[in-house]
Each structure stands twice: as structure tokens, then as C-alpha cells.
């Protein structure tokens, strides 16, 4: 059976029951949201009651109306409500963000303007250009003014979340999932709109439960999205970089640190790099001709999974770290179990915190102890790879040398996890043209004959520094560069997966990761990322770099000291963590207090298997060579390995790595057959030549 699959969206693009744009009308007693298909020929209607303020009352009319029928219905509604003002048009909109109630009426959040920012496998990805908050209850209903000040405070916090920055969504593509999850049989059983990357899950919960449908709502993902068409060897491909920020343990720098009792860490971001190529020069849809080839690689970043915190101080720009040790590291285990459930195995941890600074070194030692404890309590298949390297230990080392070293880490990790690859059959155009239909069938037949087997990623590289921003972003770029070479090689766009770090292509990718780093840093700390190594790589003036770094340090300090508390409250209101209890007007405790009081997890947390599959395990071994000494070593075994790079079998009996005299490994070109074999060896349960399922 062929491995070429046809994209199947969440709701069929050709299904005329699905609305693409909306018109909002109002009468004294109801709102009417008219959903219209993209060709404006058919409509659906959602009714929202305005007379009931204590409960949300919505009704979905299952009838599919033609344009003429819908116009007649709207005229009838207008005639029937003339005594109370008739039917009034309010706004055009593009989806419901959600509903929320504090102490007074319900509020409805709508997208009133959108812009397309890219496509994935023919599915449009949008950002919000403008949104609106509308009071559901009509103006004649009176509310108790006792809580008006508190109501206004909640509304001010809700409005402080800028939905026009870094939020994105799609009507037909599960952008909260990776490409591999969307195109394979590895779909999660969890409801899509309840996943950790959907930020308006709380706001849409009531209407989803009432209607048992997500047709009228959009699922918002927060993070970063950038897509461009690039050239390599005269061939065009489309590069997409997506960062999805977790809504669990979400917040600002000093108010959200470490892990919580559910195993979720602060500042956790899933980063996906997608490369798409077809023989029609990367059309924005999959209906042009030959099947598109797509590859993706996912990596992860997140706060150190221990119980630790810092208290922001206007007098101390570098506050002390408070570390509370957990007896058996149950919550740390739970965190890595969650990672293994999402990404498979192996899990490789790249730790970039400083060794020469007392504040950070205590976390480095405790994390090494935690992973060593987990590995001793785990089977060979379920162990964790842990690589520590102090990026700032050798400040005189050139930026190119640092990136080269991190590139070697990336290459060895990619040999363990593999990448995702699949061909996607184009969708035939609905033009009833026999010539086009025959041409499509001819191209599809040739694609079936020439196609490559599926390749799946199993496992993930998890990177962290103290904030999981600046140093982490540099390491993720190095990983992305190595992955890009492998992706382009798999797509037969280049012959050698080693991309010159000084090439135009490497600089283009650096711009992607620099933009992502700035966006994620602003979200978490209030300032852009420290990109000293990127600036040095470009040859920027040294004095300019120093001034820029100083300015960002001051901006970050000011934001952390004066603005983060209100920003944290706004995030908590949007996510539903900070809200009135019943009608008493009593807020939940301050989020900072919630976080600090929840410092120790219960000792009876049940630990699921660290890995979802059994596989033979290899791990990175990093030696102190070429000035990488002392603490630049592989800590999970507590031993010092003398080689620069070597892949060795993990020994479950001794939890150590053998020393060898081999030279540093270099990455060879991987054929699709070789990558297939690697995928099959690492995770046989995810490997299948005959999978044909799509979205």
C-alpha cells in the first residue's frame, strides 16, 4: 500500500456546512451569529440569549440555509422585533474566542479582523488583527453596583492581554499539534481544544460543553509563527518555524519558576521546524500538481523541573534562588513522564546553566542528582540522557566555536531521535476539467511509484538555561541548523546535510530563531532576547552589541520589578486561574502566593512509565577536550568521559559510559533508507510503511 497520504482536515474544506465568516446581529432579547461559507452561498445560525445574565444560554440551529432563505429569516426577525428596535447589524467577525463571567454579566470575545500569516499543507494559518469584547446582557438588565470596582478590575486585566500579538489559529488545521501528530495515526485521545497549547480553553469551555461542538469557536495558540520561501541550490522550499507556549504554569519570569505538582514547568515551549517542498515551487495549496514532501523536527524548552523560586527585588537585579528539595523527585519524574508521553523516547536533556555562579550552580547539581536518581530507578530503555555545558564559561571563545560545539550535540541527538518525513498527495481541483483530472491522476500515480516510506521522530531534545531564553535560543538555533540540513537532504534538495554556518541559508535561519527568541523573551521577561552570539556572528560592531545588551538588561529589570505582577494577573484571568468565587466577589489568592505555597508535591504521586515504548538506547557522551573541561561533561552517570563526542550504549548496571579513543564523530549524509532504519530501530511501534492517514 502506498505511503502517500491525502490531507484530511478537521472539517472538510469542501463541506458547505462549515462557516468561514460571521455576521453578528442583535435584538433586545437575543444575539444572532450568522455563519457563512466562504462562497457566501449557505449559512448557519447561532442564537445567544440576552435576557438571562446568570447563565450562558446558546442555541445552535442545525438547519443549513441558502443565502435567500437566510435573508428571509433575518427580515422576519426584524419585523417581529420592530416594537423593541428591530434587528440591528453589529459587526463582521471571524470566530468566537470565548465567553467569560466575573461578578456581573457574561462577556463575549470575538475576532473582528484577521490576517493570514501562512499555510501548512494547504491549510491557512491566521493571526488576530482586531478583537472585541461585547456584553451579552442587554442594557435594560440592572446589576448590583456593590462589586462594580472589582468587575472593572477584572475587565481591565482581561483587556490587558493583547490578542493581536503572537496569537494564531486555523480553522482546518490543528495548529496546537505537531505536523507528525496531524499526519500520522498518533493522534491523542484528548479533546483538541483542551490540549496544553490552547490558551482560550477556559474561555471556550462553556460553549463547547453546551453545543458539543467547536464549529463556532477558534483555538488560540500563543507563541510564535513565521514562514518564508527560501532558496537552496536554485531550488525553492518553504520554511516554517512555530513556537507553542504551554498554558500550564504560564506567567512571568520571577512569578513562574520551576515545576508544579502536576509536572508542568514554567516557560515551556514546543518548537517545530517544518520544511515543505513540491515540484510546483511550493504552492500555498496542495492542489497544484505533484505531491508535496514535508519534514518536521520538534524540540522542547522549559524551566528546570525542580521546586525553586526567585523573588523579584527593585534593589537586587539578580535575586537569590530558593531551592526546596523533594525526597524522591516524584514531580521531576512526572515531568519527564509527560515528555515521554508526548514525544516518545529517548529524552535528551541539554542543561546550559552556569557552573561558576553560586545561584545557578545549586540547581545544576540538584538537577544532575535528580536525573541520576531517576536513571538508577529506571530500566535501560527508560533512562534519560543528560548533557551539561556552561555556555558562558569561556567568554573569550568565538561565537562560531560555540555554535560548532552545539551543532555536534544536535547531530548526535538527531541520530537518536530522527526526523519526521511524509509525502502528501495533492487535492484535485474541482473544475470538472477532464484534462486536469487526467493530469492529476498521472502525477499521483507517478508519485505513488516513486514515493519514499514514512519516517517518524521518536524522542526529543529538551534544552534549558536559567530562564530558558537567551542561551537556550542559541542552542535551539544550532539544533535547527543541523536539522535543516538533514531535512533538505531528505527532500533531495541538497546532497550534504552539513550546512555552512556562514552561508546565506544559515543566516536566514538565524533570523528566524532570533525573531522567535525575541518574541518568547518579551512574553516572559518584558524585553527582547540577549542575542550577543548572533550579533557577533554577523560581525556587528562590538560597542553596539554592548550597548544593546545593556539596554535590554535595563528594560528587563524594569519590567520584572514594576510590571510583572499585573501582567501575571492578566494572564491568570485569561486562563481562568484568577476569578471570583461564586458571587461573593472574592478573588483567588495572588498568583505568586499560589505558586509559592504549592512548593512541595504530595509523596503519593503515581509515576507512569518514563517512556511510552521500548527501544534500544544510545546516549551522548561529551568529553572535556579543546578547553571544554571540568563541568562540561555528561552528568547522568557522574563520570568524566575523555572523548569529545562518542555514542555509547547505556549501561543500566553501572549507569556509566565507556571511554573510547575514537575521534569526534562527524555527520554523514543519511539516505531515506538509512533514516527509515533509524526510525524503526528507535521506535518500531511508530514505524509503518503503509500508513495513509492524513489530517
Foldseek 3Di string as FASTA:
>chain_A
DFQAFAFDWPDRLPPQQFFFKWWWKDAQFWIWIWGAHPVRFKIWIKIWTQADFPDTDIDTDSDIGTNVRVVVVQVVQQVVRVVRPGMGTDAMFGFWLFWDDFQTGIKTKTQRDWDFFAADQLFTKIAGPDMDIGGRHGPVDDDDCPCVVLVVLLVVLQVVPDRRPQKMFTLTHLPVADQCCFFFPVPDPDDSLPDQQFQQSVRHVVVCVVVVDCSRHTGIFGADWHKDWDDDPRAIKIKIKDKGWGLPQEAAQQLGAAAFQQLDHYRKIKIKIKIKDDPVRDDRYQADAAWMKMWMAIAMEGHQHFQKGFDFDLVDLDTAIDGDHADLCQSNLSNLLVQQSRFFDDAEEEEAEDCPDPRGVVSVVRSLVNLLSVLLVADLQQHYFYFYFHLCPCVPDALVVSLVLLLLVLLVVCLQFPIWIGIYQGDHDPPPDPVSVVSSVVSVVVCSVPDFFTFHGHYHYYYYYNRCAAVVLSSVLSNVLLVVLQRCLQVVNDVWSDDDCLDPVVLVSVVVSQVSSQSSCCSHQNGGYLHLSNCVSVVHDPVVSVVVVVVRSVRSSCCSRPPRQSNRVSSCSSSVNWHDDDNPSDIDPRSSCVSVVSRYHDPPDDRDRSGPAGAFDKYWWAACDPNRDDSRTGSSQPDHEHAHIDIAGQDSVRRDGDHDDDHRDDDGRDYSVNSLVSRCRNGVVRGDRPTHGRD
